[in-house]
Protein backbone atom coordinates (compact mmCIF):
# COMPACT_ATOMS: atom_id res chain seq x y z
CA UNK A 1 0.00 0.00 0.00
CA UNK A 2 1.57 3.33 -1.10
CA UNK A 3 1.66 6.60 0.86
CA UNK A 4 -1.09 8.17 -1.23
CA UNK A 5 -3.46 5.29 -0.54
CA UNK A 6 -2.59 5.46 3.17
CA UNK A 7 -3.41 9.17 3.35
CA UNK A 8 -6.62 8.66 1.37
CA UNK A 9 -7.72 5.87 3.69
CA UNK A 10 -7.08 7.87 6.84
CA UNK A 11 -8.85 10.91 5.38
CA UNK A 12 -11.83 8.77 4.45
CA UNK A 13 -12.02 7.24 7.94
CA UNK A 14 -11.87 10.67 9.63
CA UNK A 15 -14.54 12.25 7.42
CA UNK A 16 -16.76 9.16 7.49
CA UNK A 17 -16.62 8.97 11.28
CA UNK A 18 -17.49 12.66 11.67
CA UNK A 19 -20.75 12.12 9.78
CA UNK A 20 -22.40 10.54 12.83
CA UNK A 21 -21.81 13.67 14.89
CA UNK A 22 -23.06 16.05 12.21
CA UNK A 23 -26.11 13.81 11.62
CA UNK A 24 -26.91 13.92 15.33
CA UNK A 25 -26.95 17.74 15.13
CA UNK A 26 -29.18 17.73 12.04
CA UNK A 27 -31.87 15.39 13.38
CA UNK A 28 -32.24 17.54 16.51
CA UNK A 29 -33.74 20.37 14.42
CA UNK A 30 -35.04 18.80 11.18
CA UNK A 31 -36.85 15.66 9.95
CA UNK A 32 -34.15 12.97 9.46
CA UNK A 33 -35.34 11.34 6.22
CA UNK A 34 -36.26 14.60 4.49
CA UNK A 35 -32.93 16.16 5.48
CA UNK A 36 -31.06 13.18 4.11
CA UNK A 37 -33.04 13.25 0.83
CA UNK A 38 -32.19 16.95 0.36
CA UNK A 39 -28.55 16.28 1.18
CA UNK A 40 -28.32 13.55 -1.47
CA UNK A 41 -30.09 15.69 -4.06
CA UNK A 42 -27.60 18.53 -3.60
CA UNK A 43 -24.54 16.24 -3.36
CA UNK A 44 -25.63 14.23 -6.40
CA UNK A 45 -26.19 17.30 -8.58
CA UNK A 46 -22.85 18.78 -7.47
CA UNK A 47 -21.07 15.52 -8.33
CA UNK A 48 -22.61 15.49 -11.81
CA UNK A 49 -21.73 19.15 -12.42
CA UNK A 50 -18.12 18.54 -11.38
CA UNK A 51 -18.02 15.39 -13.54
CA UNK A 52 -19.24 17.38 -16.54
CA UNK A 53 -16.61 20.06 -15.91
CA UNK A 54 -13.94 17.34 -15.82
CA UNK A 55 -15.19 15.91 -19.11
CA UNK A 56 -16.54 12.63 -17.74
CA UNK A 57 -19.21 10.92 -19.80
CA UNK A 58 -22.67 10.32 -18.35
CA UNK A 59 -23.05 6.88 -19.91
CA UNK A 60 -22.55 3.83 -17.73
CA UNK A 61 -22.26 0.16 -18.57
CA UNK A 62 -25.11 -2.18 -17.67
CA UNK A 63 -23.02 -3.60 -14.82
CA UNK A 64 -22.31 -0.09 -13.53
CA UNK A 65 -26.00 0.82 -13.59
CA UNK A 66 -26.89 -2.31 -11.63
CA UNK A 67 -24.16 -1.79 -9.05
CA UNK A 68 -24.95 1.93 -8.78
CA UNK A 69 -28.61 1.19 -8.05
CA UNK A 70 -27.71 -1.44 -5.43
CA UNK A 71 -25.22 0.95 -3.82
CA UNK A 72 -27.74 3.81 -3.80
CA UNK A 73 -30.42 1.58 -2.31
CA UNK A 74 -28.30 -0.17 0.32
CA UNK A 75 -25.97 2.61 1.46
CA UNK A 76 -27.94 5.78 0.91
CA UNK A 77 -31.53 4.68 1.40
CA UNK A 78 -31.28 1.84 3.93
CA UNK A 79 -27.97 2.36 5.74
CA UNK A 80 -27.99 6.14 6.07
CA UNK A 81 -31.77 6.40 6.21
CA UNK A 82 -31.98 4.03 9.18
CA UNK A 83 -28.99 5.65 10.88
CA UNK A 84 -30.42 9.16 10.55
CA UNK A 85 -33.76 7.95 11.91
CA UNK A 86 -32.14 6.01 14.76
CA UNK A 87 -29.94 8.93 15.83
CA UNK A 88 -33.00 10.75 17.09
CA UNK A 89 -32.64 8.46 20.12
CA UNK A 90 -29.19 6.85 19.72
CA UNK A 91 -25.95 8.67 20.49
CA UNK A 92 -23.55 9.39 17.63
CA UNK A 93 -20.78 7.40 19.33
CA UNK A 94 -22.98 4.28 19.58
CA UNK A 95 -24.08 4.55 15.94
CA UNK A 96 -20.47 4.94 14.76
CA UNK A 97 -19.35 1.91 16.77
CA UNK A 98 -22.09 -0.28 15.29
CA UNK A 99 -21.36 0.99 11.78
CA UNK A 100 -17.68 0.12 12.18
CA UNK A 101 -18.54 -3.57 12.48
CA UNK A 102 -19.21 -3.62 8.73
CA UNK A 103 -15.88 -5.35 7.87
CA UNK A 104 -16.79 -8.06 10.39
CA UNK A 105 -20.16 -8.49 8.69
CA UNK A 106 -18.41 -8.78 5.34
CA UNK A 107 -16.36 -11.64 6.77
CA UNK A 108 -19.50 -13.32 8.15
CA UNK A 109 -21.16 -12.98 4.72
CA UNK A 110 -18.12 -14.63 3.16
CA UNK A 111 -18.54 -17.65 5.44
CA UNK A 112 -22.34 -18.00 5.37
CA UNK A 113 -23.11 -16.93 1.80
CA UNK A 114 -19.96 -17.58 -0.22
CA UNK A 115 -18.76 -20.60 1.81
CA UNK A 116 -15.33 -19.12 2.41
CA UNK A 117 -13.08 -20.69 5.04
CA UNK A 118 -11.92 -18.55 7.93
CA UNK A 119 -8.33 -18.65 9.09
CA UNK A 120 -7.75 -18.93 12.86
CA UNK A 121 -6.73 -15.26 12.95
CA UNK A 122 -9.94 -14.20 11.21
CA UNK A 123 -12.06 -16.32 13.55
CA UNK A 124 -10.42 -14.73 16.60
CA UNK A 125 -10.90 -11.30 15.03
CA UNK A 126 -14.63 -11.90 14.49
CA UNK A 127 -15.16 -13.07 18.04
CA UNK A 128 -13.15 -10.15 19.43
CA UNK A 129 -14.92 -7.57 17.27
CA UNK A 130 -18.44 -8.57 18.20
CA UNK A 131 -17.30 -9.10 21.79
CA UNK A 132 -16.15 -5.47 21.89
CA UNK A 133 -19.57 -4.31 20.71
CA UNK A 134 -21.24 -6.45 23.39
CA UNK A 135 -18.94 -4.95 26.04
CA UNK A 136 -19.85 -1.39 25.07
CA UNK A 137 -23.58 -2.09 24.87
CA UNK A 138 -23.48 -3.97 28.17
CA UNK A 139 -21.83 -1.00 29.83
CA UNK A 140 -24.70 1.23 28.68
CA UNK A 141 -27.60 -0.99 29.74
CA UNK A 142 -28.03 1.00 32.93
CA UNK A 143 -28.61 4.17 30.87
CA UNK A 144 -31.43 5.19 28.53
CA UNK A 145 -30.18 3.06 25.64
CA UNK A 146 -32.89 2.81 22.98
CA UNK A 147 -33.03 -0.86 21.95
CA UNK A 148 -35.10 -0.18 18.81
CA UNK A 149 -32.66 2.48 17.63
CA UNK A 150 -29.70 0.17 18.24
CA UNK A 151 -31.42 -2.62 16.28
CA UNK A 152 -31.99 -0.24 13.36
CA UNK A 153 -28.28 0.64 13.40
CA UNK A 154 -27.36 -3.05 13.11
CA UNK A 155 -29.77 -3.52 10.17
CA UNK A 156 -28.22 -0.44 8.59
CA UNK A 157 -24.72 -1.94 8.94
CA UNK A 158 -25.90 -5.11 7.22
CA UNK A 159 -27.12 -2.97 4.30
CA UNK A 160 -23.74 -1.21 4.22
CA UNK A 161 -22.13 -4.64 3.89
CA UNK A 162 -24.11 -5.30 0.72
CA UNK A 163 -23.27 -1.82 -0.58
CA UNK A 164 -19.56 -2.39 -0.01
CA UNK A 165 -19.63 -5.63 -1.97
CA UNK A 166 -21.14 -3.73 -4.92
CA UNK A 167 -18.58 -0.89 -5.02
CA UNK A 168 -16.10 -2.51 -7.38
CA UNK A 169 -18.81 -3.27 -9.90
CA UNK A 170 -19.89 0.36 -9.88
CA UNK A 171 -16.40 1.86 -10.20
CA UNK A 172 -14.77 -0.60 -12.60
CA UNK A 173 -15.89 1.20 -15.77
CA UNK A 174 -14.51 4.67 -14.94
CA UNK A 175 -16.52 7.92 -14.69
CA UNK A 176 -16.32 7.77 -10.90
CA UNK A 177 -17.93 11.14 -10.16
CA UNK A 178 -20.83 10.28 -12.44
CA UNK A 179 -21.32 7.02 -10.55
CA UNK A 180 -21.14 8.91 -7.23
CA UNK A 181 -23.72 11.42 -8.47
CA UNK A 182 -26.14 8.83 -9.80
CA UNK A 183 -26.10 6.66 -6.67
CA UNK A 184 -26.82 9.74 -4.56
CA UNK A 185 -29.78 10.68 -6.75
CA UNK A 186 -31.09 7.11 -6.38
CA UNK A 187 -31.00 7.57 -2.61
CA UNK A 188 -32.55 11.05 -2.83
CA UNK A 189 -35.51 9.81 -4.87
CA UNK A 190 -36.27 6.86 -2.58
CA UNK A 191 -35.86 8.83 0.64
CA UNK A 192 -38.02 11.69 -0.68
CA UNK A 193 -40.91 9.29 -1.24
CA UNK A 194 -40.54 7.90 2.30
CA UNK A 195 -40.31 11.38 3.80
CA UNK A 196 -43.41 12.65 1.96
CA UNK A 197 -45.36 9.63 3.14
CA UNK A 198 -44.37 9.54 6.81
CA UNK A 199 -42.74 12.78 7.99
CA UNK A 200 -43.97 16.21 8.95
CA UNK A 201 -41.89 19.15 7.75
CA UNK A 202 -41.00 20.91 10.97
CA UNK A 203 -37.60 22.60 10.81
CA UNK A 204 -35.95 24.87 13.39
CA UNK A 205 -33.48 27.03 11.50
CA UNK A 206 -30.42 27.26 13.75
CA UNK A 207 -26.76 27.89 13.00
CA UNK A 208 -25.71 24.41 14.19
CA UNK A 209 -28.26 22.90 11.76
CA UNK A 210 -27.03 24.99 8.82
CA UNK A 211 -23.35 24.30 9.51
CA UNK A 212 -23.91 20.58 10.09
CA UNK A 213 -26.03 20.25 6.93
CA UNK A 214 -23.52 22.03 4.71
CA UNK A 215 -20.65 20.01 6.17
CA UNK A 216 -22.50 16.70 5.82
CA UNK A 217 -23.47 17.47 2.24
CA UNK A 218 -20.00 18.44 1.05
CA UNK A 219 -17.68 16.27 3.15
CA UNK A 220 -19.19 12.89 4.18
CA UNK A 221 -21.77 13.17 1.40
CA UNK A 222 -19.57 14.05 -1.57
CA UNK A 223 -15.86 14.08 -0.69
CA UNK A 224 -15.74 10.89 1.42
CA UNK A 225 -17.81 8.89 -1.08
CA UNK A 226 -15.53 9.91 -3.93
CA UNK A 227 -12.40 9.10 -1.90
CA UNK A 228 -13.86 5.67 -1.04
CA UNK A 229 -14.60 4.82 -4.68
CA UNK A 230 -11.11 5.92 -5.74
CA UNK A 231 -9.48 4.01 -2.87
CA UNK A 232 -11.33 0.77 -3.64
CA UNK A 233 -10.45 1.11 -7.31
CA UNK A 234 -6.79 1.73 -6.36
CA UNK A 235 -6.09 -0.98 -3.76
CA UNK A 236 -9.18 -3.24 -3.76
CA UNK A 237 -12.15 -3.61 -1.38
CA UNK A 238 -10.35 -5.90 1.09
CA UNK A 239 -7.39 -3.61 1.73
CA UNK A 240 -9.57 -0.50 1.66
CA UNK A 241 -11.89 -1.96 4.29
CA UNK A 242 -8.92 -2.15 6.66
CA UNK A 243 -9.28 1.59 7.26
CA UNK A 244 -12.64 0.98 8.90
CA UNK A 245 -10.73 -0.15 12.00
CA UNK A 246 -10.06 3.57 12.60
CA UNK A 247 -13.77 4.44 12.63
CA UNK A 248 -14.50 3.42 16.25
CA UNK A 249 -11.64 5.63 17.49
CA UNK A 250 -12.56 8.64 15.35
CA UNK A 251 -16.32 8.26 15.83
CA UNK A 252 -16.23 8.12 19.61
CA UNK A 253 -13.56 10.84 19.90
CA UNK A 254 -15.42 13.31 17.65
CA UNK A 255 -18.77 12.74 19.41
CA UNK A 256 -17.06 13.24 22.79
CA UNK A 257 -15.21 16.39 21.68
CA UNK A 258 -18.04 18.15 19.82
CA UNK A 259 -21.23 16.87 21.45
CA UNK A 260 -19.98 16.14 24.93
CA UNK A 261 -21.18 12.52 24.78
CA UNK A 262 -20.02 10.37 27.67
CA UNK A 263 -16.87 8.33 27.35
CA UNK A 264 -16.45 5.46 29.82
CA UNK A 265 -13.74 2.90 30.43
CA UNK A 266 -16.00 0.26 28.84
CA UNK A 267 -16.14 2.42 25.69
CA UNK A 268 -12.36 2.79 25.48
CA UNK A 269 -11.70 -0.93 26.03
CA UNK A 270 -14.53 -1.96 23.69
CA UNK A 271 -13.38 0.35 20.90
CA UNK A 272 -9.83 -1.00 21.15
CA UNK A 273 -11.11 -4.61 20.99
CA UNK A 274 -13.36 -3.85 17.98
CA UNK A 275 -10.51 -2.15 16.12
CA UNK A 276 -8.16 -5.06 16.84
CA UNK A 277 -10.79 -7.55 15.70
CA UNK A 278 -11.44 -5.72 12.42
CA UNK A 279 -7.71 -5.39 11.76
CA UNK A 280 -7.19 -9.11 12.44
CA UNK A 281 -9.94 -10.06 9.98
CA UNK A 282 -8.54 -7.81 7.26
CA UNK A 283 -4.93 -8.88 7.77
CA UNK A 284 -5.97 -12.53 7.56
CA UNK A 285 -7.53 -11.85 4.15
CA UNK A 286 -4.41 -10.24 2.76
CA UNK A 287 -2.11 -13.10 3.67
CA UNK A 288 -1.17 -15.44 0.82
CA UNK A 289 -2.78 -18.86 0.89
């Protein structure tokens, strides 16, 4: 892995992790699904405008269209939609920790769906990773932990797993910004329908809402997605997923620093165990057979 890929991966992890904190700010003053639909509409149109300025073509292959739709459905509509909804009652740090188990879920999918064999290191990593999550959740049982919201976050992470497996198919034909723009518009359209059907449009215009919305639209929404597509295309999904082991650290630290969310010894130990488990799973995949 070269220095450029390393910097891209760390940048992606930092921006991606910060999205949980900014989302928590947004849902305090605006409807979660409607806000997310508007964010994707703006980010998608910006991506297409930038792609046009760079001379990228708007035509995609059939495989790219299929993968783009799956990515837009699973990541933008299901994963982010459920996370935004859940963060009305779930802390940003908890949501980021659950989301960071995605590489572990990818490994589980490999065993249960694709009949892959786990190495001893990968098996230990899986057990450790999910054990770390259990430790953190157990330490919060005496607080007002919303079980429904936590369950939605786990379903969202499963959808992110499917989205991750579709990334290479979407990015393999080039025109990356066009792909990024289209998959965001897919999410915007689906979320808009859901919002119109189930949400009321009550918005409190505050400076934290405006700043968080602009940041989420431009950074996690557009910049981080583009970096992720480029990174996967550069070093492959397996190696790129290794950077997710940084998400628990960044997610908890940012929520603690900006939102004042509690940070306990259970959180610190659990985050370290999760990160070690994810790293073990990814390193086991990169070893030669």
